[in-house]
PDB file of N, CA and C in Angstrom:
ATOM      1  N   MET A   1       0.369 -15.977  34.894  1.00  0.00           N
ATOM      2  CA  MET A   1      -0.227 -14.664  34.819  1.00  0.00           C
ATOM      3  C   MET A   1      -0.323 -14.083  36.220  1.00  0.00           C
ATOM      4  N   ALA A   2      -0.222 -12.784  36.323  1.00  0.00           N
ATOM      5  CA  ALA A   2      -0.225 -12.097  37.606  1.00  0.00           C
ATOM      6  C   ALA A   2      -1.630 -12.075  38.212  1.00  0.00           C
ATOM      7  N   ASN A   3      -1.676 -12.013  39.543  1.00  0.00           N
ATOM      8  CA  ASN A   3      -2.959 -11.984  40.246  1.00  0.00           C
ATOM      9  C   ASN A   3      -3.245 -10.640  40.891  1.00  0.00           C
ATOM     10  N   HIS A   4      -2.223  -9.953  41.329  1.00  0.00           N
ATOM     11  CA  HIS A   4      -2.414  -8.682  42.015  1.00  0.00           C
ATOM     12  C   HIS A   4      -2.725  -7.576  41.014  1.00  0.00           C
ATOM     13  N   PRO A   5      -3.554  -6.633  41.420  1.00  0.00           N
ATOM     14  CA  PRO A   5      -3.911  -5.539  40.495  1.00  0.00           C
ATOM     15  C   PRO A   5      -2.702  -4.752  39.992  1.00  0.00           C
ATOM     16  N   SER A   6      -1.751  -4.512  40.867  1.00  0.00           N
ATOM     17  CA  SER A   6      -0.570  -3.748  40.448  1.00  0.00           C
ATOM     18  C   SER A   6       0.269  -4.542  39.446  1.00  0.00           C
ATOM     19  N   ALA A   7       0.339  -5.850  39.642  1.00  0.00           N
ATOM     20  CA  ALA A   7       1.092  -6.693  38.712  1.00  0.00           C
ATOM     21  C   ALA A   7       0.390  -6.767  37.362  1.00  0.00           C
ATOM     22  N   LEU A   8      -0.937  -6.794  37.378  1.00  0.00           N
ATOM     23  CA  LEU A   8      -1.695  -6.782  36.124  1.00  0.00           C
ATOM     24  C   LEU A   8      -1.476  -5.474  35.370  1.00  0.00           C
ATOM     25  N   LYS A   9      -1.455  -4.382  36.118  1.00  0.00           N
ATOM     26  CA  LYS A   9      -1.225  -3.074  35.493  1.00  0.00           C
ATOM     27  C   LYS A   9       0.176  -3.018  34.891  1.00  0.00           C
ATOM     28  N   ARG A  10       1.170  -3.501  35.609  1.00  0.00           N
ATOM     29  CA  ARG A  10       2.541  -3.510  35.088  1.00  0.00           C
ATOM     30  C   ARG A  10       2.628  -4.377  33.829  1.00  0.00           C
ATOM     31  N   TYR A  11       1.871  -5.470  33.806  1.00  0.00           N
ATOM     32  CA  TYR A  11       1.852  -6.331  32.627  1.00  0.00           C
ATOM     33  C   TYR A  11       1.285  -5.575  31.426  1.00  0.00           C
ATOM     34  N   ARG A  12       0.171  -4.880  31.637  1.00  0.00           N
ATOM     35  CA  ARG A  12      -0.427  -4.096  30.546  1.00  0.00           C
ATOM     36  C   ARG A  12       0.532  -3.012  30.069  1.00  0.00           C
ATOM     37  N   GLN A  13       1.187  -2.345  31.007  1.00  0.00           N
ATOM     38  CA  GLN A  13       2.125  -1.283  30.650  1.00  0.00           C
ATOM     39  C   GLN A  13       3.318  -1.840  29.879  1.00  0.00           C
ATOM     40  N   SER A  14       3.811  -2.991  30.297  1.00  0.00           N
ATOM     41  CA  SER A  14       4.977  -3.561  29.614  1.00  0.00           C
ATOM     42  C   SER A  14       4.610  -4.022  28.208  1.00  0.00           C
ATOM     43  N   GLN A  15       3.398  -4.524  28.027  1.00  0.00           N
ATOM     44  CA  GLN A  15       2.956  -4.914  26.687  1.00  0.00           C
ATOM     45  C   GLN A  15       2.845  -3.696  25.776  1.00  0.00           C
ATOM     46  N   HIS A  16       2.306  -2.613  26.309  1.00  0.00           N
ATOM     47  CA  HIS A  16       2.181  -1.370  25.539  1.00  0.00           C
ATOM     48  C   HIS A  16       3.563  -0.824  25.177  1.00  0.00           C
ATOM     49  N   ARG A  17       4.474  -0.818  26.138  1.00  0.00           N
ATOM     50  CA  ARG A  17       5.826  -0.310  25.912  1.00  0.00           C
ATOM     51  C   ARG A  17       6.567  -1.187  24.898  1.00  0.00           C
ATOM     52  N   ARG A  18       6.335  -2.502  24.948  1.00  0.00           N
ATOM     53  CA  ARG A  18       6.975  -3.424  24.011  1.00  0.00           C
ATOM     54  C   ARG A  18       6.556  -3.110  22.580  1.00  0.00           C
ATOM     55  N   LEU A  19       5.277  -2.826  22.374  1.00  0.00           N
ATOM     56  CA  LEU A  19       4.797  -2.487  21.037  1.00  0.00           C
ATOM     57  C   LEU A  19       5.402  -1.176  20.536  1.00  0.00           C
ATOM     58  N   ILE A  20       5.505  -0.202  21.428  1.00  0.00           N
ATOM     59  CA  ILE A  20       6.096   1.083  21.044  1.00  0.00           C
ATOM     60  C   ILE A  20       7.568   0.909  20.700  1.00  0.00           C
ATOM     61  N   ASN A  21       8.298   0.148  21.518  1.00  0.00           N
ATOM     62  CA  ASN A  21       9.716  -0.098  21.243  1.00  0.00           C
ATOM     63  C   ASN A  21       9.898  -0.840  19.926  1.00  0.00           C
ATOM     64  N   GLN A  22       9.032  -1.801  19.684  1.00  0.00           N
ATOM     65  CA  GLN A  22       9.098  -2.574  18.447  1.00  0.00           C
ATOM     66  C   GLN A  22       8.878  -1.661  17.237  1.00  0.00           C
ATOM     67  N   MET A  23       7.928  -0.752  17.339  1.00  0.00           N
ATOM     68  CA  MET A  23       7.648   0.185  16.261  1.00  0.00           C
ATOM     69  C   MET A  23       8.845   1.107  16.024  1.00  0.00           C
ATOM     70  N   ASN A  24       9.442   1.599  17.108  1.00  0.00           N
ATOM     71  CA  ASN A  24      10.594   2.489  16.974  1.00  0.00           C
ATOM     72  C   ASN A  24      11.800   1.767  16.381  1.00  0.00           C
ATOM     73  N   ARG A  25      12.026   0.511  16.785  1.00  0.00           N
ATOM     74  CA  ARG A  25      13.123  -0.273  16.209  1.00  0.00           C
ATOM     75  C   ARG A  25      12.911  -0.496  14.721  1.00  0.00           C
ATOM     76  N   HIS A  26      11.673  -0.747  14.338  1.00  0.00           N
ATOM     77  CA  HIS A  26      11.360  -0.966  12.927  1.00  0.00           C
ATOM     78  C   HIS A  26      11.623   0.302  12.110  1.00  0.00           C
ATOM     79  N   LYS A  27      11.217   1.453  12.638  1.00  0.00           N
ATOM     80  CA  LYS A  27      11.476   2.724  11.948  1.00  0.00           C
ATOM     81  C   LYS A  27      12.975   2.948  11.773  1.00  0.00           C
ATOM     82  N   LEU A  28      13.730   2.654  12.827  1.00  0.00           N
ATOM     83  CA  LEU A  28      15.174   2.854  12.788  1.00  0.00           C
ATOM     84  C   LEU A  28      15.827   1.929  11.766  1.00  0.00           C
ATOM     85  N   LYS A  29      15.449   0.661  11.755  1.00  0.00           N
ATOM     86  CA  LYS A  29      16.027  -0.286  10.801  1.00  0.00           C
ATOM     87  C   LYS A  29      15.707   0.115   9.368  1.00  0.00           C
ATOM     88  N   THR A  30      14.481   0.562   9.125  1.00  0.00           N
ATOM     89  CA  THR A  30      14.085   0.980   7.785  1.00  0.00           C
ATOM     90  C   THR A  30      14.895   2.186   7.338  1.00  0.00           C
ATOM     91  N   GLN A  31      15.073   3.145   8.238  1.00  0.00           N
ATOM     92  CA  GLN A  31      15.845   4.345   7.909  1.00  0.00           C
ATOM     93  C   GLN A  31      17.305   3.991   7.619  1.00  0.00           C
ATOM     94  N   MET A  32      17.865   3.072   8.401  1.00  0.00           N
ATOM     95  CA  MET A  32      19.247   2.647   8.177  1.00  0.00           C
ATOM     96  C   MET A  32      19.382   1.955   6.821  1.00  0.00           C
ATOM     97  N   LYS A  33      18.400   1.134   6.460  1.00  0.00           N
ATOM     98  CA  LYS A  33      18.428   0.462   5.160  1.00  0.00           C
ATOM     99  C   LYS A  33      18.379   1.480   4.030  1.00  0.00           C
ATOM    100  N   ARG A  34      17.533   2.510   4.185  1.00  0.00           N
ATOM    101  CA  ARG A  34      17.441   3.544   3.151  1.00  0.00           C
ATOM    102  C   ARG A  34      18.763   4.277   2.988  1.00  0.00           C
ATOM    103  N   LEU A  35      19.394   4.619   4.108  1.00  0.00           N
ATOM    104  CA  LEU A  35      20.665   5.333   4.060  1.00  0.00           C
ATOM    105  C   LEU A  35      21.746   4.463   3.424  1.00  0.00           C
ATOM    106  N   ARG A  36      21.828   3.204   3.830  1.00  0.00           N
ATOM    107  CA  ARG A  36      22.837   2.309   3.256  1.00  0.00           C
ATOM    108  C   ARG A  36      22.614   2.090   1.764  1.00  0.00           C
ATOM    109  N   ALA A  37      21.360   2.014   1.353  1.00  0.00           N
ATOM    110  CA  ALA A  37      21.057   1.838  -0.071  1.00  0.00           C
ATOM    111  C   ALA A  37      21.470   3.071  -0.863  1.00  0.00           C
ATOM    112  N   ALA A  38      21.242   4.255  -0.309  1.00  0.00           N
ATOM    113  CA  ALA A  38      21.633   5.491  -0.993  1.00  0.00           C
ATOM    114  C   ALA A  38      23.148   5.576  -1.122  1.00  0.00           C
ATOM    115  N   ILE A  39      23.861   5.150  -0.093  1.00  0.00           N
ATOM    116  CA  ILE A  39      25.325   5.174  -0.137  1.00  0.00           C
ATOM    117  C   ILE A  39      25.837   4.141  -1.139  1.00  0.00           C
ATOM    118  N   ALA A  40      25.240   2.957  -1.129  1.00  0.00           N
ATOM    119  CA  ALA A  40      25.698   1.884  -2.015  1.00  0.00           C
ATOM    120  C   ALA A  40      25.483   2.215  -3.485  1.00  0.00           C
ATOM    121  N   THR A  41      24.401   2.909  -3.788  1.00  0.00           N
ATOM    122  CA  THR A  41      24.122   3.250  -5.186  1.00  0.00           C
ATOM    123  C   THR A  41      24.838   4.517  -5.627  1.00  0.00           C
ATOM    124  N   GLY A  42      25.479   5.197  -4.688  1.00  0.00           N
ATOM    125  CA  GLY A  42      26.250   6.387  -5.035  1.00  0.00           C
ATOM    126  C   GLY A  42      25.419   7.649  -5.151  1.00  0.00           C
ATOM    127  N   LYS A  43      24.239   7.655  -4.567  1.00  0.00           N
ATOM    128  CA  LYS A  43      23.381   8.845  -4.601  1.00  0.00           C
ATOM    129  C   LYS A  43      23.750   9.752  -3.426  1.00  0.00           C
ATOM    130  N   ALA A  44      24.707  10.631  -3.666  1.00  0.00           N
ATOM    131  CA  ALA A  44      25.223  11.483  -2.594  1.00  0.00           C
ATOM    132  C   ALA A  44      24.170  12.466  -2.103  1.00  0.00           C
ATOM    133  N   ALA A  45      23.368  12.999  -2.995  1.00  0.00           N
ATOM    134  CA  ALA A  45      22.352  13.977  -2.594  1.00  0.00           C
ATOM    135  C   ALA A  45      21.317  13.337  -1.668  1.00  0.00           C
ATOM    136  N   ASP A  46      20.891  12.128  -2.010  1.00  0.00           N
ATOM    137  CA  ASP A  46      19.929  11.426  -1.160  1.00  0.00           C
ATOM    138  C   ASP A  46      20.551  11.086   0.191  1.00  0.00           C
ATOM    139  N   ALA A  47      21.799  10.651   0.163  1.00  0.00           N
ATOM    140  CA  ALA A  47      22.478  10.289   1.407  1.00  0.00           C
ATOM    141  C   ALA A  47      22.642  11.503   2.313  1.00  0.00           C
ATOM    142  N   LYS A  48      22.920  12.666   1.728  1.00  0.00           N
ATOM    143  CA  LYS A  48      23.083  13.879   2.537  1.00  0.00           C
ATOM    144  C   LYS A  48      21.779  14.280   3.213  1.00  0.00           C
ATOM    145  N   THR A  49      20.654  14.055   2.555  1.00  0.00           N
ATOM    146  CA  THR A  49      19.376  14.398   3.185  1.00  0.00           C
ATOM    147  C   THR A  49      18.951  13.345   4.204  1.00  0.00           C
ATOM    148  N   LEU A  50      19.322  12.093   3.961  1.00  0.00           N
ATOM    149  CA  LEU A  50      18.940  11.020   4.878  1.00  0.00           C
ATOM    150  C   LEU A  50      19.807  10.976   6.132  1.00  0.00           C
ATOM    151  N   LEU A  51      21.034  11.464   6.038  1.00  0.00           N
ATOM    152  CA  LEU A  51      21.962  11.365   7.166  1.00  0.00           C
ATOM    153  C   LEU A  51      21.462  12.097   8.416  1.00  0.00           C
ATOM    154  N   PRO A  52      21.060  13.373   8.348  1.00  0.00           N
ATOM    155  CA  PRO A  52      20.562  14.033   9.563  1.00  0.00           C
ATOM    156  C   PRO A  52      19.300  13.370  10.124  1.00  0.00           C
ATOM    157  N   GLU A  53      18.424  12.905   9.245  1.00  0.00           N
ATOM    158  CA  GLU A  53      17.217  12.218   9.706  1.00  0.00           C
ATOM    159  C   GLU A  53      17.575  10.937  10.450  1.00  0.00           C
ATOM    160  N   THR A  54      18.559  10.223   9.932  1.00  0.00           N
ATOM    161  CA  THR A  54      18.983   8.971  10.555  1.00  0.00           C
ATOM    162  C   THR A  54      19.627   9.231  11.913  1.00  0.00           C
ATOM    163  N   PHE A  55      20.498  10.231  11.983  1.00  0.00           N
ATOM    164  CA  PHE A  55      21.120  10.577  13.265  1.00  0.00           C
ATOM    165  C   PHE A  55      20.066  10.973  14.292  1.00  0.00           C
ATOM    166  N   SER A  56      19.086  11.739  13.857  1.00  0.00           N
ATOM    167  CA  SER A  56      18.021  12.166  14.754  1.00  0.00           C
ATOM    168  C   SER A  56      17.242  10.966  15.282  1.00  0.00           C
ATOM    169  N   LEU A  57      16.933  10.037  14.400  1.00  0.00           N
ATOM    170  CA  LEU A  57      16.191   8.843  14.797  1.00  0.00           C
ATOM    171  C   LEU A  57      17.004   7.978  15.755  1.00  0.00           C
ATOM    172  N   ILE A  58      18.302   7.870  15.512  1.00  0.00           N
ATOM    173  CA  ILE A  58      19.175   7.106  16.409  1.00  0.00           C
ATOM    174  C   ILE A  58      19.219   7.768  17.784  1.00  0.00           C
ATOM    175  N   ASP A  59      19.396   9.085  17.810  1.00  0.00           N
ATOM    176  CA  ASP A  59      19.459   9.802  19.084  1.00  0.00           C
ATOM    177  C   ASP A  59      18.160   9.661  19.873  1.00  0.00           C
ATOM    178  N   ARG A  60      17.031   9.759  19.189  1.00  0.00           N
ATOM    179  CA  ARG A  60      15.745   9.615  19.871  1.00  0.00           C
ATOM    180  C   ARG A  60      15.546   8.197  20.393  1.00  0.00           C
ATOM    181  N   SER A  61      16.006   7.209  19.639  1.00  0.00           N
ATOM    182  CA  SER A  61      15.875   5.819  20.071  1.00  0.00           C
ATOM    183  C   SER A  61      16.717   5.555  21.312  1.00  0.00           C
ATOM    184  N   VAL A  62      17.909   6.121  21.352  1.00  0.00           N
ATOM    185  CA  VAL A  62      18.767   5.977  22.533  1.00  0.00           C
ATOM    186  C   VAL A  62      18.136   6.685  23.722  1.00  0.00           C
ATOM    187  N   GLN A  63      17.605   7.865  23.488  1.00  0.00           N
ATOM    188  CA  GLN A  63      16.993   8.645  24.563  1.00  0.00           C
ATOM    189  C   GLN A  63      15.787   7.916  25.157  1.00  0.00           C
ATOM    190  N   LYS A  64      15.022   7.236  24.323  1.00  0.00           N
ATOM    191  CA  LYS A  64      13.840   6.517  24.793  1.00  0.00           C
ATOM    192  C   LYS A  64      14.175   5.139  25.343  1.00  0.00           C
ATOM    193  N   GLY A  65      15.431   4.708  25.197  1.00  0.00           N
ATOM    194  CA  GLY A  65      15.844   3.421  25.730  1.00  0.00           C
ATOM    195  C   GLY A  65      15.521   2.253  24.818  1.00  0.00           C
ATOM    196  N   VAL A  66      15.234   2.539  23.554  1.00  0.00           N
ATOM    197  CA  VAL A  66      14.919   1.476  22.602  1.00  0.00           C
ATOM    198  C   VAL A  66      16.182   0.718  22.236  1.00  0.00           C
ATOM    199  N   ILE A  67      17.290   1.439  22.065  1.00  0.00           N
ATOM    200  CA  ILE A  67      18.582   0.823  21.767  1.00  0.00           C
ATOM    201  C   ILE A  67      19.603   1.334  22.771  1.00  0.00           C
ATOM    202  N   LYS A  68      20.698   0.606  22.898  1.00  0.00           N
ATOM    203  CA  LYS A  68      21.777   1.031  23.789  1.00  0.00           C
ATOM    204  C   LYS A  68      22.601   2.113  23.123  1.00  0.00           C
ATOM    205  N   LYS A  69      23.267   2.892  23.930  1.00  0.00           N
ATOM    206  CA  LYS A  69      24.074   4.007  23.437  1.00  0.00           C
ATOM    207  C   LYS A  69      25.242   3.551  22.618  1.00  0.00           C
TER     208      LYS A  69
END
């Protein structure tokens, strides 16, 4: 464990960022599963509505550095 105040602060910040990244990854995986399920079952209308939402979520995840480009 860190001893310096700045190192302790960085530790707290990294833990907070890890939780946020984990939450964003979970949202992205869930959205991808929903889209794939809609495509697999042949529900074109559902897939058309889920596609822009999924692209938006992917773009935001890349922008925030949660996933690689």
